[in-house]
PDB file of N, CA and C in Angstrom:
ATOM      1  N   MET A   1      13.270   8.668 -17.674  1.00  0.00           N
ATOM      2  CA  MET A   1      12.770   7.757 -16.688  1.00  0.00           C
ATOM      3  C   MET A   1      11.287   7.553 -16.968  1.00  0.00           C
ATOM      4  N   ASN A   2      10.855   6.316 -16.916  1.00  0.00           N
ATOM      5  CA  ASN A   2       9.454   5.972 -17.120  1.00  0.00           C
ATOM      6  C   ASN A   2       8.798   5.701 -15.772  1.00  0.00           C
ATOM      7  N   LEU A   3       7.515   5.997 -15.680  1.00  0.00           N
ATOM      8  CA  LEU A   3       6.778   5.849 -14.433  1.00  0.00           C
ATOM      9  C   LEU A   3       5.356   5.444 -14.777  1.00  0.00           C
ATOM     10  N   LEU A   4       4.788   4.554 -13.994  1.00  0.00           N
ATOM     11  CA  LEU A   4       3.399   4.162 -14.161  1.00  0.00           C
ATOM     12  C   LEU A   4       2.619   4.793 -13.017  1.00  0.00           C
ATOM     13  N   VAL A   5       1.696   5.695 -13.346  1.00  0.00           N
ATOM     14  CA  VAL A   5       0.951   6.470 -12.354  1.00  0.00           C
ATOM     15  C   VAL A   5      -0.450   5.899 -12.217  1.00  0.00           C
ATOM     16  N   LYS A   6      -0.862   5.643 -10.982  1.00  0.00           N
ATOM     17  CA  LYS A   6      -2.221   5.185 -10.717  1.00  0.00           C
ATOM     18  C   LYS A   6      -3.067   6.415 -10.389  1.00  0.00           C
ATOM     19  N   MET A   7      -4.084   6.641 -11.197  1.00  0.00           N
ATOM     20  CA  MET A   7      -4.939   7.812 -11.048  1.00  0.00           C
ATOM     21  C   MET A   7      -6.011   7.554  -9.981  1.00  0.00           C
ATOM     22  N   PRO A   8      -6.639   8.616  -9.466  1.00  0.00           N
ATOM     23  CA  PRO A   8      -7.664   8.450  -8.429  1.00  0.00           C
ATOM     24  C   PRO A   8      -8.820   7.524  -8.831  1.00  0.00           C
ATOM     25  N   ASP A   9      -9.127   7.449 -10.140  1.00  0.00           N
ATOM     26  CA  ASP A   9     -10.229   6.583 -10.576  1.00  0.00           C
ATOM     27  C   ASP A   9      -9.805   5.122 -10.747  1.00  0.00           C
ATOM     28  N   GLY A  10      -8.529   4.808 -10.437  1.00  0.00           N
ATOM     29  CA  GLY A  10      -8.031   3.439 -10.514  1.00  0.00           C
ATOM     30  C   GLY A  10      -7.302   3.104 -11.801  1.00  0.00           C
ATOM     31  N   ASN A  11      -7.433   3.932 -12.850  1.00  0.00           N
ATOM     32  CA  ASN A  11      -6.705   3.702 -14.095  1.00  0.00           C
ATOM     33  C   ASN A  11      -5.223   3.990 -13.906  1.00  0.00           C
ATOM     34  N   THR A  12      -4.383   3.371 -14.743  1.00  0.00           N
ATOM     35  CA  THR A  12      -2.958   3.659 -14.716  1.00  0.00           C
ATOM     36  C   THR A  12      -2.562   4.340 -16.022  1.00  0.00           C
ATOM     37  N   VAL A  13      -1.601   5.246 -15.922  1.00  0.00           N
ATOM     38  CA  VAL A  13      -1.130   6.021 -17.060  1.00  0.00           C
ATOM     39  C   VAL A  13       0.386   5.943 -17.093  1.00  0.00           C
ATOM     40  N   ALA A  14       0.957   5.640 -18.268  1.00  0.00           N
ATOM     41  CA  ALA A  14       2.416   5.634 -18.433  1.00  0.00           C
ATOM     42  C   ALA A  14       2.894   7.072 -18.599  1.00  0.00           C
ATOM     43  N   MET A  15       3.922   7.451 -17.841  1.00  0.00           N
ATOM     44  CA  MET A  15       4.454   8.814 -17.864  1.00  0.00           C
ATOM     45  C   MET A  15       5.969   8.745 -18.043  1.00  0.00           C
ATOM     46  N   GLN A  16       6.573   9.892 -18.427  1.00  0.00           N
ATOM     47  CA  GLN A  16       8.020  10.009 -18.548  1.00  0.00           C
ATOM     48  C   GLN A  16       8.470  11.329 -17.939  1.00  0.00           C
ATOM     49  N   CYS A  17       9.650  11.296 -17.343  1.00  0.00           N
ATOM     50  CA  CYS A  17      10.278  12.517 -16.841  1.00  0.00           C
ATOM     51  C   CYS A  17      11.308  12.929 -17.885  1.00  0.00           C
ATOM     52  N   HIS A  18      11.330  14.211 -18.233  1.00  0.00           N
ATOM     53  CA  HIS A  18      12.236  14.714 -19.267  1.00  0.00           C
ATOM     54  C   HIS A  18      13.183  15.759 -18.693  1.00  0.00           C
ATOM     55  N   TYR A  19      14.377  15.845 -19.272  1.00  0.00           N
ATOM     56  CA  TYR A  19      15.385  16.810 -18.855  1.00  0.00           C
ATOM     57  C   TYR A  19      15.502  18.066 -19.718  1.00  0.00           C
ATOM     58  N   PRO A  20      14.827  18.216 -20.869  1.00  0.00           N
ATOM     59  CA  PRO A  20      15.164  19.308 -21.778  1.00  0.00           C
ATOM     60  C   PRO A  20      15.409  20.675 -21.153  1.00  0.00           C
ATOM     61  N   PRO A  21      14.529  21.229 -20.332  1.00  0.00           N
ATOM     62  CA  PRO A  21      14.867  22.542 -19.768  1.00  0.00           C
ATOM     63  C   PRO A  21      16.013  22.418 -18.764  1.00  0.00           C
ATOM     64  N   VAL A  22      16.854  23.423 -18.713  1.00  0.00           N
ATOM     65  CA  VAL A  22      17.997  23.412 -17.800  1.00  0.00           C
ATOM     66  C   VAL A  22      17.538  23.286 -16.351  1.00  0.00           C
ATOM     67  N   TRP A  23      16.404  23.894 -16.001  1.00  0.00           N
ATOM     68  CA  TRP A  23      15.927  23.913 -14.617  1.00  0.00           C
ATOM     69  C   TRP A  23      15.202  22.635 -14.232  1.00  0.00           C
ATOM     70  N   ALA A  24      14.947  21.729 -15.183  1.00  0.00           N
ATOM     71  CA  ALA A  24      14.149  20.529 -14.906  1.00  0.00           C
ATOM     72  C   ALA A  24      14.871  19.600 -13.945  1.00  0.00           C
ATOM     73  N   THR A  25      14.103  18.971 -13.091  1.00  0.00           N
ATOM     74  CA  THR A  25      14.612  17.985 -12.156  1.00  0.00           C
ATOM     75  C   THR A  25      13.931  16.663 -12.461  1.00  0.00           C
ATOM     76  N   CYS A  26      14.692  15.602 -12.418  1.00  0.00           N
ATOM     77  CA  CYS A  26      14.120  14.289 -12.662  1.00  0.00           C
ATOM     78  C   CYS A  26      14.584  13.376 -11.522  1.00  0.00           C
ATOM     79  N   ILE A  27      13.692  13.070 -10.619  1.00  0.00           N
ATOM     80  CA  ILE A  27      13.993  12.240  -9.460  1.00  0.00           C
ATOM     81  C   ILE A  27      13.242  10.937  -9.606  1.00  0.00           C
ATOM     82  N   GLU A  28      13.903   9.826  -9.313  1.00  0.00           N
ATOM     83  CA  GLU A  28      13.200   8.542  -9.316  1.00  0.00           C
ATOM     84  C   GLU A  28      12.535   8.381  -7.956  1.00  0.00           C
ATOM     85  N   PRO A  29      11.219   8.580  -7.900  1.00  0.00           N
ATOM     86  CA  PRO A  29      10.539   8.525  -6.605  1.00  0.00           C
ATOM     87  C   PRO A  29      10.418   7.101  -6.072  1.00  0.00           C
ATOM     88  N   GLN A  30      10.393   6.989  -4.763  1.00  0.00           N
ATOM     89  CA  GLN A  30      10.163   5.685  -4.139  1.00  0.00           C
ATOM     90  C   GLN A  30       8.719   5.284  -4.384  1.00  0.00           C
ATOM     91  N   LEU A  31       8.471   3.989  -4.341  1.00  0.00           N
ATOM     92  CA  LEU A  31       7.135   3.470  -4.576  1.00  0.00           C
ATOM     93  C   LEU A  31       6.256   3.766  -3.364  1.00  0.00           C
ATOM     94  N   THR A  32       5.387   4.755  -3.517  1.00  0.00           N
ATOM     95  CA  THR A  32       4.457   5.159  -2.466  1.00  0.00           C
ATOM     96  C   THR A  32       3.428   6.104  -3.081  1.00  0.00           C
ATOM     97  N   THR A  33       2.604   6.704  -2.282  1.00  0.00           N
ATOM     98  CA  THR A  33       1.611   7.668  -2.746  1.00  0.00           C
ATOM     99  C   THR A  33       2.151   9.081  -2.545  1.00  0.00           C
ATOM    100  N   TYR A  34       2.017   9.926  -3.567  1.00  0.00           N
ATOM    101  CA  TYR A  34       2.474  11.311  -3.497  1.00  0.00           C
ATOM    102  C   TYR A  34       1.329  12.246  -3.847  1.00  0.00           C
ATOM    103  N   PRO A  35       1.290  13.429  -3.236  1.00  0.00           N
ATOM    104  CA  PRO A  35       0.349  14.429  -3.717  1.00  0.00           C
ATOM    105  C   PRO A  35       0.821  14.880  -5.105  1.00  0.00           C
ATOM    106  N   ALA A  36      -0.113  15.267  -5.950  1.00  0.00           N
ATOM    107  CA  ALA A  36       0.244  15.666  -7.306  1.00  0.00           C
ATOM    108  C   ALA A  36      -0.716  16.720  -7.823  1.00  0.00           C
ATOM    109  N   LYS A  37      -0.247  17.445  -8.846  1.00  0.00           N
ATOM    110  CA  LYS A  37      -1.078  18.406  -9.548  1.00  0.00           C
ATOM    111  C   LYS A  37      -1.129  17.968 -11.007  1.00  0.00           C
ATOM    112  N   ILE A  38      -2.314  17.932 -11.594  1.00  0.00           N
ATOM    113  CA  ILE A  38      -2.451  17.608 -13.008  1.00  0.00           C
ATOM    114  C   ILE A  38      -2.570  18.918 -13.763  1.00  0.00           C
ATOM    115  N   ASN A  39      -1.737  19.067 -14.794  1.00  0.00           N
ATOM    116  CA  ASN A  39      -1.698  20.294 -15.573  1.00  0.00           C
ATOM    117  C   ASN A  39      -1.650  19.912 -17.054  1.00  0.00           C
ATOM    118  N   GLY A  40      -2.793  19.887 -17.715  1.00  0.00           N
ATOM    119  CA  GLY A  40      -2.838  19.519 -19.131  1.00  0.00           C
ATOM    120  C   GLY A  40      -2.381  18.085 -19.337  1.00  0.00           C
ATOM    121  N   HIS A  41      -1.271  17.905 -20.047  1.00  0.00           N
ATOM    122  CA  HIS A  41      -0.724  16.577 -20.309  1.00  0.00           C
ATOM    123  C   HIS A  41       0.435  16.255 -19.375  1.00  0.00           C
ATOM    124  N   ASN A  42       0.499  16.918 -18.250  1.00  0.00           N
ATOM    125  CA  ASN A  42       1.585  16.716 -17.289  1.00  0.00           C
ATOM    126  C   ASN A  42       1.027  16.431 -15.902  1.00  0.00           C
ATOM    127  N   ILE A  43       1.806  15.685 -15.144  1.00  0.00           N
ATOM    128  CA  ILE A  43       1.534  15.483 -13.729  1.00  0.00           C
ATOM    129  C   ILE A  43       2.761  15.981 -12.983  1.00  0.00           C
ATOM    130  N   HIS A  44       2.545  16.815 -11.995  1.00  0.00           N
ATOM    131  CA  HIS A  44       3.632  17.330 -11.176  1.00  0.00           C
ATOM    132  C   HIS A  44       3.553  16.628  -9.824  1.00  0.00           C
ATOM    133  N   LEU A  45       4.490  15.693  -9.581  1.00  0.00           N
ATOM    134  CA  LEU A  45       4.544  15.018  -8.284  1.00  0.00           C
ATOM    135  C   LEU A  45       5.218  15.931  -7.285  1.00  0.00           C
ATOM    136  N   LEU A  46       4.708  15.976  -6.083  1.00  0.00           N
ATOM    137  CA  LEU A  46       5.285  16.778  -5.004  1.00  0.00           C
ATOM    138  C   LEU A  46       6.029  15.818  -4.085  1.00  0.00           C
ATOM    139  N   ILE A  47       7.343  15.732  -4.269  1.00  0.00           N
ATOM    140  CA  ILE A  47       8.168  14.748  -3.577  1.00  0.00           C
ATOM    141  C   ILE A  47       8.909  15.429  -2.426  1.00  0.00           C
ATOM    142  N   PRO A  48       8.761  14.912  -1.193  1.00  0.00           N
ATOM    143  CA  PRO A  48       9.476  15.519  -0.072  1.00  0.00           C
ATOM    144  C   PRO A  48      10.981  15.251  -0.177  1.00  0.00           C
ATOM    145  N   VAL A  49      11.785  16.278   0.098  1.00  0.00           N
ATOM    146  CA  VAL A  49      13.244  16.159   0.064  1.00  0.00           C
ATOM    147  C   VAL A  49      13.840  16.885   1.267  1.00  0.00           C
ATOM    148  N   VAL A  50      15.023  16.459   1.673  1.00  0.00           N
ATOM    149  CA  VAL A  50      15.762  17.136   2.740  1.00  0.00           C
ATOM    150  C   VAL A  50      16.648  18.183   2.081  1.00  0.00           C
ATOM    151  N   THR A  51      16.501  19.446   2.479  1.00  0.00           N
ATOM    152  CA  THR A  51      17.260  20.525   1.850  1.00  0.00           C
ATOM    153  C   THR A  51      18.380  21.058   2.731  1.00  0.00           C
ATOM    154  N   GLY A  52      18.429  20.651   3.970  1.00  0.00           N
ATOM    155  CA  GLY A  52      19.468  21.132   4.872  1.00  0.00           C
ATOM    156  C   GLY A  52      20.075  19.994   5.669  1.00  0.00           C
ATOM    157  N   LYS A  53      21.215  20.247   6.258  1.00  0.00           N
ATOM    158  CA  LYS A  53      21.906  19.225   7.045  1.00  0.00           C
ATOM    159  C   LYS A  53      21.412  19.246   8.493  1.00  0.00           C
ATOM    160  N   PRO A  54      21.261  18.059   9.096  1.00  0.00           N
ATOM    161  CA  PRO A  54      20.895  18.030  10.519  1.00  0.00           C
ATOM    162  C   PRO A  54      22.073  18.478  11.375  1.00  0.00           C
ATOM    163  N   LYS A  55      21.774  18.933  12.578  1.00  0.00           N
ATOM    164  CA  LYS A  55      22.822  19.310  13.536  1.00  0.00           C
ATOM    165  C   LYS A  55      22.769  18.337  14.700  1.00  0.00           C
ATOM    166  N   TYR A  56      23.969  17.982  15.217  1.00  0.00           N
ATOM    167  CA  TYR A  56      24.074  16.993  16.284  1.00  0.00           C
ATOM    168  C   TYR A  56      24.777  17.578  17.499  1.00  0.00           C
ATOM    169  N   ASN A  57      24.416  17.058  18.671  1.00  0.00           N
ATOM    170  CA  ASN A  57      25.114  17.391  19.913  1.00  0.00           C
ATOM    171  C   ASN A  57      26.438  16.645  19.930  1.00  0.00           C
ATOM    172  N   LYS A  58      27.312  17.013  20.852  1.00  0.00           N
ATOM    173  CA  LYS A  58      28.621  16.356  20.960  1.00  0.00           C
ATOM    174  C   LYS A  58      28.494  14.877  21.280  1.00  0.00           C
ATOM    175  N   ASP A  59      27.402  14.475  21.939  1.00  0.00           N
ATOM    176  CA  ASP A  59      27.216  13.057  22.274  1.00  0.00           C
ATOM    177  C   ASP A  59      26.562  12.268  21.132  1.00  0.00           C
ATOM    178  N   GLY A  60      26.331  12.922  19.990  1.00  0.00           N
ATOM    179  CA  GLY A  60      25.785  12.236  18.817  1.00  0.00           C
ATOM    180  C   GLY A  60      24.277  12.256  18.711  1.00  0.00           C
ATOM    181  N   THR A  61      23.594  12.819  19.701  1.00  0.00           N
ATOM    182  CA  THR A  61      22.132  12.897  19.619  1.00  0.00           C
ATOM    183  C   THR A  61      21.731  14.053  18.694  1.00  0.00           C
ATOM    184  N   LEU A  62      20.575  13.940  18.123  1.00  0.00           N
ATOM    185  CA  LEU A  62      20.086  14.936  17.176  1.00  0.00           C
ATOM    186  C   LEU A  62      19.722  16.225  17.894  1.00  0.00           C
ATOM    187  N   LYS A  63      20.329  17.319  17.479  1.00  0.00           N
ATOM    188  CA  LYS A  63      20.049  18.633  18.046  1.00  0.00           C
ATOM    189  C   LYS A  63      18.968  19.337  17.226  1.00  0.00           C
ATOM    190  N   GLN A  64      19.099  19.277  15.905  1.00  0.00           N
ATOM    191  CA  GLN A  64      18.139  19.924  15.008  1.00  0.00           C
ATOM    192  C   GLN A  64      18.084  19.112  13.720  1.00  0.00           C
ATOM    193  N   PRO A  65      16.892  18.655  13.310  1.00  0.00           N
ATOM    194  CA  PRO A  65      16.795  17.871  12.068  1.00  0.00           C
ATOM    195  C   PRO A  65      17.068  18.738  10.844  1.00  0.00           C
ATOM    196  N   GLY A  66      17.420  18.110   9.750  1.00  0.00           N
ATOM    197  CA  GLY A  66      17.615  18.829   8.495  1.00  0.00           C
ATOM    198  C   GLY A  66      16.310  19.442   8.027  1.00  0.00           C
ATOM    199  N   LYS A  67      16.408  20.557   7.348  1.00  0.00           N
ATOM    200  CA  LYS A  67      15.208  21.206   6.828  1.00  0.00           C
ATOM    201  C   LYS A  67      14.641  20.349   5.697  1.00  0.00           C
ATOM    202  N   THR A  68      13.332  20.285   5.645  1.00  0.00           N
ATOM    203  CA  THR A  68      12.693  19.522   4.583  1.00  0.00           C
ATOM    204  C   THR A  68      11.898  20.462   3.695  1.00  0.00           C
ATOM    205  N   GLY A  69      11.755  20.061   2.463  1.00  0.00           N
ATOM    206  CA  GLY A  69      10.987  20.847   1.509  1.00  0.00           C
ATOM    207  C   GLY A  69      10.285  19.906   0.545  1.00  0.00           C
ATOM    208  N   THR A  70       9.802  20.441  -0.535  1.00  0.00           N
ATOM    209  CA  THR A  70       9.106  19.652  -1.540  1.00  0.00           C
ATOM    210  C   THR A  70       9.705  19.947  -2.900  1.00  0.00           C
ATOM    211  N   GLU A  71      10.032  18.898  -3.634  1.00  0.00           N
ATOM    212  CA  GLU A  71      10.529  19.022  -5.000  1.00  0.00           C
ATOM    213  C   GLU A  71       9.374  18.711  -5.946  1.00  0.00           C
ATOM    214  N   GLU A  72       9.080  19.620  -6.856  1.00  0.00           N
ATOM    215  CA  GLU A  72       8.003  19.406  -7.817  1.00  0.00           C
ATOM    216  C   GLU A  72       8.624  18.829  -9.084  1.00  0.00           C
ATOM    217  N   VAL A  73       8.286  17.582  -9.400  1.00  0.00           N
ATOM    218  CA  VAL A  73       8.862  16.902 -10.549  1.00  0.00           C
ATOM    219  C   VAL A  73       7.791  16.681 -11.599  1.00  0.00           C
ATOM    220  N   LYS A  74       8.077  17.120 -12.818  1.00  0.00           N
ATOM    221  CA  LYS A  74       7.103  17.067 -13.915  1.00  0.00           C
ATOM    222  C   LYS A  74       7.257  15.767 -14.706  1.00  0.00           C
ATOM    223  N   PHE A  75       6.156  15.044 -14.871  1.00  0.00           N
ATOM    224  CA  PHE A  75       6.093  13.859 -15.709  1.00  0.00           C
ATOM    225  C   PHE A  75       5.073  14.117 -16.801  1.00  0.00           C
ATOM    226  N   SER A  76       5.378  13.710 -18.029  1.00  0.00           N
ATOM    227  CA  SER A  76       4.491  13.921 -19.175  1.00  0.00           C
ATOM    228  C   SER A  76       3.933  12.600 -19.663  1.00  0.00           C
ATOM    229  N   PHE A  77       2.719  12.652 -20.221  1.00  0.00           N
ATOM    230  CA  PHE A  77       2.124  11.466 -20.806  1.00  0.00           C
ATOM    231  C   PHE A  77       2.959  11.020 -22.000  1.00  0.00           C
ATOM    232  N   ARG A  78       3.118   9.713 -22.156  1.00  0.00           N
ATOM    233  CA  ARG A  78       3.897   9.198 -23.282  1.00  0.00           C
ATOM    234  C   ARG A  78       3.041   9.099 -24.503  1.00  0.00           C
TER     235      ARG A  78
END
């Protein structure tokens, strides 16, 4: 997957998500702003994800929302 990342200084950088390691995750993020960590030639996007199922009352109203977490997805410079 290819991604165009806008850096804090306004420049854009072409990046790619790779699958080689078994543990790697490659998510196509929605177009928005994400917190990120820059590590050498990689950018790790911190993408919010729902990790648990919500619970509902018998009348269909929300009793407890699904648990949310953060998925760290690594993109490398092309």
